[in-house]
Structures are given as structure tokens and as C-alpha cells.
Amino acid sequence: MSGEARLYTFSQETKDHLRKFRLGTSRSSSAQAVIYFIDKNTKEIRQDEEGTVYKTLEEVGDDLPDHSPRFVLLSYPLTLPSGRLSVPYVMLFYMPSTCNSAQRMLYAGAKELMRNTSEVTKIIDIESAEDLEEIPAKLGAA
């Protein structure tokens, strides 16, 4: 077991939700996103109490904190230049330039564990909510 797997934890409920979200969004016709954070005291990676599922990138941007990193899992249906429909499942690694070094280390240490546990195909690093506007292009939308 790697070091980060011992430091950070996922509840069984969170693991089940990650799997359900991944499988449930693969055929979705609309965008869906969930935001995860690391509890500073327990080092548990989890969603907020409400378990919000966002339907637009704008909604995600509205809820991203100004000074704290977050993991955003995103399923984003789009049409490729070839005309084919694609539903990429990616993780947005939100690391604002204003967050402190302790938070940077905390989230950087959990990045690969979150990637592997959520089974995303790609990680996209973003520094601000405005970076969300570029996500469709980064995913290859026509």
C-alpha cells in the first residue's frame, strides 16, 4: 500500500458514490459534476454534506472556494470534430494560486489516489473558476 493510501481515507459510502457516479454518467446527455474536498482533521476525501450534483460548469464555478483546492469529477457530453458523441469522465484539479502551502501539499499528495479511486481518464489542472470556460475545448469539443 502506498504512503498516500495510508494518509488519506475514503468512507465506503464515498467509494460507492464514486462508482455510482462514474457508471451513471457514462451515458448521460447532460453535464454532471461533483466537488470533493479533504477534511483537514480526518484526512478523509469526501463531498459536502448536501452531495450536490452540478449540471453546468457555471454552477461548479460558483461553488469553488477562492482560497482552497478541490477535486471536481466531471462527466461532460460533447460532440467531437468527427461528429461522434463522446462523454469524457475527467477530474479537474482545482488549485487556486492564493491557497497556502499546507493545502497545496495536502491536495497534491492525494491527487493520484483520487485519480485512481475515481477511475477518471484524465486530469485537468485549473487555477480559477474562469478556467472552466476552456474545459470543452480541452476535452476536444467541436
C-alpha atoms as a PDB file:
ATOM      1  CA  MET A   1       0.000   0.000   0.000  1.00  0.00           C
ATOM      2  CA  SER A   2       1.407   3.372  -0.938  1.00  0.00           C
ATOM      3  CA  GLY A   3       2.008   6.181   1.543  1.00  0.00           C
ATOM      4  CA  GLU A   4      -0.854   8.369   0.387  1.00  0.00           C
ATOM      5  CA  ALA A   5      -3.288   5.471   0.684  1.00  0.00           C
ATOM      6  CA  ARG A   6      -2.461   5.276   4.403  1.00  0.00           C
ATOM      7  CA  LEU A   7      -2.643   9.031   4.974  1.00  0.00           C
ATOM      8  CA  TYR A   8      -5.933   9.739   3.133  1.00  0.00           C
ATOM      9  CA  THR A   9      -9.172   7.807   3.524  1.00  0.00           C
ATOM     10  CA  PHE A  10     -12.431   7.269   1.674  1.00  0.00           C
ATOM     11  CA  SER A  11     -15.530   6.063   3.503  1.00  0.00           C
ATOM     12  CA  GLN A  12     -17.306   3.092   1.938  1.00  0.00           C
ATOM     13  CA  GLU A  13     -20.192   5.473   1.202  1.00  0.00           C
ATOM     14  CA  THR A  14     -17.828   7.752  -0.752  1.00  0.00           C
ATOM     15  CA  LYS A  15     -16.348   4.810  -2.681  1.00  0.00           C
ATOM     16  CA  ASP A  16     -19.853   3.627  -3.549  1.00  0.00           C
ATOM     17  CA  HIS A  17     -20.839   7.132  -4.653  1.00  0.00           C
ATOM     18  CA  LEU A  18     -17.723   7.458  -6.838  1.00  0.00           C
ATOM     19  CA  ARG A  19     -18.532   4.178  -8.583  1.00  0.00           C
ATOM     20  CA  LYS A  20     -22.228   5.033  -8.992  1.00  0.00           C
ATOM     21  CA  PHE A  21     -21.382   8.485 -10.357  1.00  0.00           C
ATOM     22  CA  ARG A  22     -18.863   7.073 -12.857  1.00  0.00           C
ATOM     23  CA  LEU A  23     -21.219   4.381 -14.113  1.00  0.00           C
ATOM     24  CA  GLY A  24     -24.313   6.594 -14.050  1.00  0.00           C
ATOM     25  CA  THR A  25     -22.806   9.419 -16.061  1.00  0.00           C
ATOM     26  CA  SER A  26     -21.250   7.366 -18.853  1.00  0.00           C
ATOM     27  CA  ARG A  27     -24.439   7.513 -20.953  1.00  0.00           C
ATOM     28  CA  SER A  28     -25.698  10.883 -19.750  1.00  0.00           C
ATOM     29  CA  SER A  29     -26.780  13.509 -22.253  1.00  0.00           C
ATOM     30  CA  SER A  30     -26.061  16.419 -19.929  1.00  0.00           C
ATOM     31  CA  ALA A  31     -23.013  17.537 -17.980  1.00  0.00           C
ATOM     32  CA  GLN A  32     -22.691  16.367 -14.384  1.00  0.00           C
ATOM     33  CA  ALA A  33     -20.070  17.259 -11.811  1.00  0.00           C
ATOM     34  CA  VAL A  34     -19.365  16.655  -8.137  1.00  0.00           C
ATOM     35  CA  ILE A  35     -16.913  18.508  -5.902  1.00  0.00           C
ATOM     36  CA  TYR A  36     -14.743  16.696  -3.352  1.00  0.00           C
ATOM     37  CA  PHE A  37     -12.569  18.130  -0.599  1.00  0.00           C
ATOM     38  CA  ILE A  38     -10.181  16.771   2.022  1.00  0.00           C
ATOM     39  CA  ASP A  39     -11.290  17.085   5.635  1.00  0.00           C
ATOM     40  CA  LYS A  40      -8.261  18.696   7.316  1.00  0.00           C
ATOM     41  CA  ASN A  41      -8.792  16.871  10.616  1.00  0.00           C
ATOM     42  CA  THR A  42      -9.531  13.321   9.463  1.00  0.00           C
ATOM     43  CA  LYS A  43      -7.815  13.442   6.016  1.00  0.00           C
ATOM     44  CA  GLU A  44     -10.973  11.897   4.577  1.00  0.00           C
ATOM     45  CA  ILE A  45     -11.722  12.757   0.949  1.00  0.00           C
ATOM     46  CA  ARG A  46     -15.449  13.383   0.617  1.00  0.00           C
ATOM     47  CA  GLN A  47     -18.268  15.513  -0.768  1.00  0.00           C
ATOM     48  CA  ASP A  48     -20.007  18.240   1.193  1.00  0.00           C
ATOM     49  CA  GLU A  49     -22.996  17.242   3.322  1.00  0.00           C
ATOM     50  CA  GLU A  50     -25.538  18.012   0.594  1.00  0.00           C
ATOM     51  CA  GLY A  51     -23.874  15.764  -2.008  1.00  0.00           C
ATOM     52  CA  THR A  52     -24.612  18.309  -4.738  1.00  0.00           C
ATOM     53  CA  VAL A  53     -24.507  17.165  -8.367  1.00  0.00           C
ATOM     54  CA  TYR A  54     -23.866  20.153 -10.621  1.00  0.00           C
ATOM     55  CA  LYS A  55     -25.429  20.390 -14.081  1.00  0.00           C
ATOM     56  CA  THR A  56     -23.290  23.181 -15.573  1.00  0.00           C
ATOM     57  CA  LEU A  57     -19.701  24.374 -15.371  1.00  0.00           C
ATOM     58  CA  GLU A  58     -21.048  27.760 -14.249  1.00  0.00           C
ATOM     59  CA  GLU A  59     -22.656  26.145 -11.182  1.00  0.00           C
ATOM     60  CA  VAL A  60     -19.343  24.441 -10.378  1.00  0.00           C
ATOM     61  CA  GLY A  61     -17.510  27.769 -10.728  1.00  0.00           C
ATOM     62  CA  ASP A  62     -19.965  29.470  -8.377  1.00  0.00           C
ATOM     63  CA  ASP A  63     -19.274  26.908  -5.635  1.00  0.00           C
ATOM     64  CA  LEU A  64     -15.474  26.697  -5.905  1.00  0.00           C
ATOM     65  CA  PRO A  65     -13.844  28.474  -2.954  1.00  0.00           C
ATOM     66  CA  ASP A  66     -11.415  31.324  -3.652  1.00  0.00           C
ATOM     67  CA  HIS A  67      -8.588  30.067  -1.439  1.00  0.00           C
ATOM     68  CA  SER A  68      -8.988  26.273  -1.097  1.00  0.00           C
ATOM     69  CA  PRO A  69      -8.170  23.460  -3.530  1.00  0.00           C
ATOM     70  CA  ARG A  70     -10.818  20.960  -4.634  1.00  0.00           C
ATOM     71  CA  PHE A  71     -11.197  17.832  -6.756  1.00  0.00           C
ATOM     72  CA  VAL A  72     -14.026  18.122  -9.303  1.00  0.00           C
ATOM     73  CA  LEU A  73     -15.227  14.988 -11.078  1.00  0.00           C
ATOM     74  CA  LEU A  74     -16.799  15.906 -14.384  1.00  0.00           C
ATOM     75  CA  SER A  75     -18.747  13.950 -16.965  1.00  0.00           C
ATOM     76  CA  TYR A  76     -19.135  16.228 -19.971  1.00  0.00           C
ATOM     77  CA  PRO A  77     -21.001  15.042 -23.091  1.00  0.00           C
ATOM     78  CA  LEU A  78     -19.730  16.718 -26.238  1.00  0.00           C
ATOM     79  CA  THR A  79     -19.597  16.316 -29.991  1.00  0.00           C
ATOM     80  CA  LEU A  80     -16.145  15.703 -31.415  1.00  0.00           C
ATOM     81  CA  PRO A  81     -14.977  17.344 -34.668  1.00  0.00           C
ATOM     82  CA  SER A  82     -15.715  13.989 -36.376  1.00  0.00           C
ATOM     83  CA  GLY A  83     -19.372  14.360 -35.361  1.00  0.00           C
ATOM     84  CA  ARG A  84     -19.183  11.483 -32.885  1.00  0.00           C
ATOM     85  CA  LEU A  85     -20.672  11.919 -29.406  1.00  0.00           C
ATOM     86  CA  SER A  86     -18.209  11.460 -26.552  1.00  0.00           C
ATOM     87  CA  VAL A  87     -18.721  11.543 -22.783  1.00  0.00           C
ATOM     88  CA  PRO A  88     -15.294  12.030 -21.198  1.00  0.00           C
ATOM     89  CA  TYR A  89     -15.017  11.428 -17.456  1.00  0.00           C
ATOM     90  CA  VAL A  90     -12.256  13.625 -16.051  1.00  0.00           C
ATOM     91  CA  MET A  91     -11.015  15.143 -12.819  1.00  0.00           C
ATOM     92  CA  LEU A  92     -10.459  18.877 -12.562  1.00  0.00           C
ATOM     93  CA  PHE A  93      -7.703  19.539 -10.059  1.00  0.00           C
ATOM     94  CA  TYR A  94      -8.586  23.000  -8.759  1.00  0.00           C
ATOM     95  CA  MET A  95      -5.580  24.640  -7.096  1.00  0.00           C
ATOM     96  CA  PRO A  96      -6.050  28.418  -6.752  1.00  0.00           C
ATOM     97  CA  SER A  97      -2.815  30.420  -6.671  1.00  0.00           C
ATOM     98  CA  THR A  98      -3.979  32.026  -3.406  1.00  0.00           C
ATOM     99  CA  CYS A  99      -4.083  28.841  -1.303  1.00  0.00           C
ATOM    100  CA  ASN A 100      -1.431  28.250   1.339  1.00  0.00           C
ATOM    101  CA  SER A 101       1.435  25.787   1.040  1.00  0.00           C
ATOM    102  CA  ALA A 102      -0.023  23.365   3.602  1.00  0.00           C
ATOM    103  CA  GLN A 103      -3.167  22.986   1.485  1.00  0.00           C
ATOM    104  CA  ARG A 104      -1.078  22.656  -1.684  1.00  0.00           C
ATOM    105  CA  MET A 105       0.855  19.773  -0.130  1.00  0.00           C
ATOM    106  CA  LEU A 106      -2.300  18.131   1.253  1.00  0.00           C
ATOM    107  CA  TYR A 107      -4.087  18.099  -2.097  1.00  0.00           C
ATOM    108  CA  ALA A 108      -1.022  17.372  -4.227  1.00  0.00           C
ATOM    109  CA  GLY A 109      -0.366  14.310  -2.082  1.00  0.00           C
ATOM    110  CA  ALA A 110      -3.885  12.989  -2.674  1.00  0.00           C
ATOM    111  CA  LYS A 111      -4.110  13.772  -6.401  1.00  0.00           C
ATOM    112  CA  GLU A 112      -3.073  10.340  -7.732  1.00  0.00           C
ATOM    113  CA  LEU A 113      -5.069   8.478  -5.082  1.00  0.00           C
ATOM    114  CA  MET A 114      -8.185  10.449  -6.058  1.00  0.00           C
ATOM    115  CA  ARG A 115      -7.460   9.769  -9.733  1.00  0.00           C
ATOM    116  CA  ASN A 116      -7.128   6.031  -9.174  1.00  0.00           C
ATOM    117  CA  THR A 117     -10.091   5.727  -6.798  1.00  0.00           C
ATOM    118  CA  SER A 118     -12.433   7.722  -9.041  1.00  0.00           C
ATOM    119  CA  GLU A 119     -11.138   5.972 -12.196  1.00  0.00           C
ATOM    120  CA  VAL A 120     -11.079   9.123 -14.308  1.00  0.00           C
ATOM    121  CA  THR A 121      -9.418   9.028 -17.717  1.00  0.00           C
ATOM    122  CA  LYS A 122      -7.693  12.400 -17.477  1.00  0.00           C
ATOM    123  CA  ILE A 123      -6.745  15.147 -15.012  1.00  0.00           C
ATOM    124  CA  ILE A 124      -7.034  18.813 -15.987  1.00  0.00           C
ATOM    125  CA  ASP A 125      -5.351  21.343 -13.704  1.00  0.00           C
ATOM    126  CA  ILE A 126      -7.177  24.640 -13.201  1.00  0.00           C
ATOM    127  CA  GLU A 127      -6.321  27.676 -11.054  1.00  0.00           C
ATOM    128  CA  SER A 128      -9.535  29.701 -11.186  1.00  0.00           C
ATOM    129  CA  ALA A 129     -13.245  29.371 -11.878  1.00  0.00           C
ATOM    130  CA  GLU A 130     -12.632  31.262 -15.139  1.00  0.00           C
ATOM    131  CA  ASP A 131     -10.502  28.319 -16.356  1.00  0.00           C
ATOM    132  CA  LEU A 132     -13.725  26.290 -16.516  1.00  0.00           C
ATOM    133  CA  GLU A 133     -14.657  28.145 -19.716  1.00  0.00           C
ATOM    134  CA  GLU A 134     -11.775  26.387 -21.503  1.00  0.00           C
ATOM    135  CA  ILE A 135     -12.792  22.855 -20.445  1.00  0.00           C
ATOM    136  CA  PRO A 136     -14.929  21.987 -23.510  1.00  0.00           C
ATOM    137  CA  ALA A 137     -12.028  22.911 -25.818  1.00  0.00           C
ATOM    138  CA  LYS A 138      -9.553  20.937 -23.681  1.00  0.00           C
ATOM    139  CA  LEU A 139     -11.848  17.919 -23.953  1.00  0.00           C
ATOM    140  CA  GLY A 140     -11.889  18.221 -27.741  1.00  0.00           C
ATOM    141  CA  ALA A 141     -15.349  19.684 -28.418  1.00  0.00           C
ATOM    142  CA  ALA A 142     -16.090  20.691 -31.987  1.00  0.00           C
END
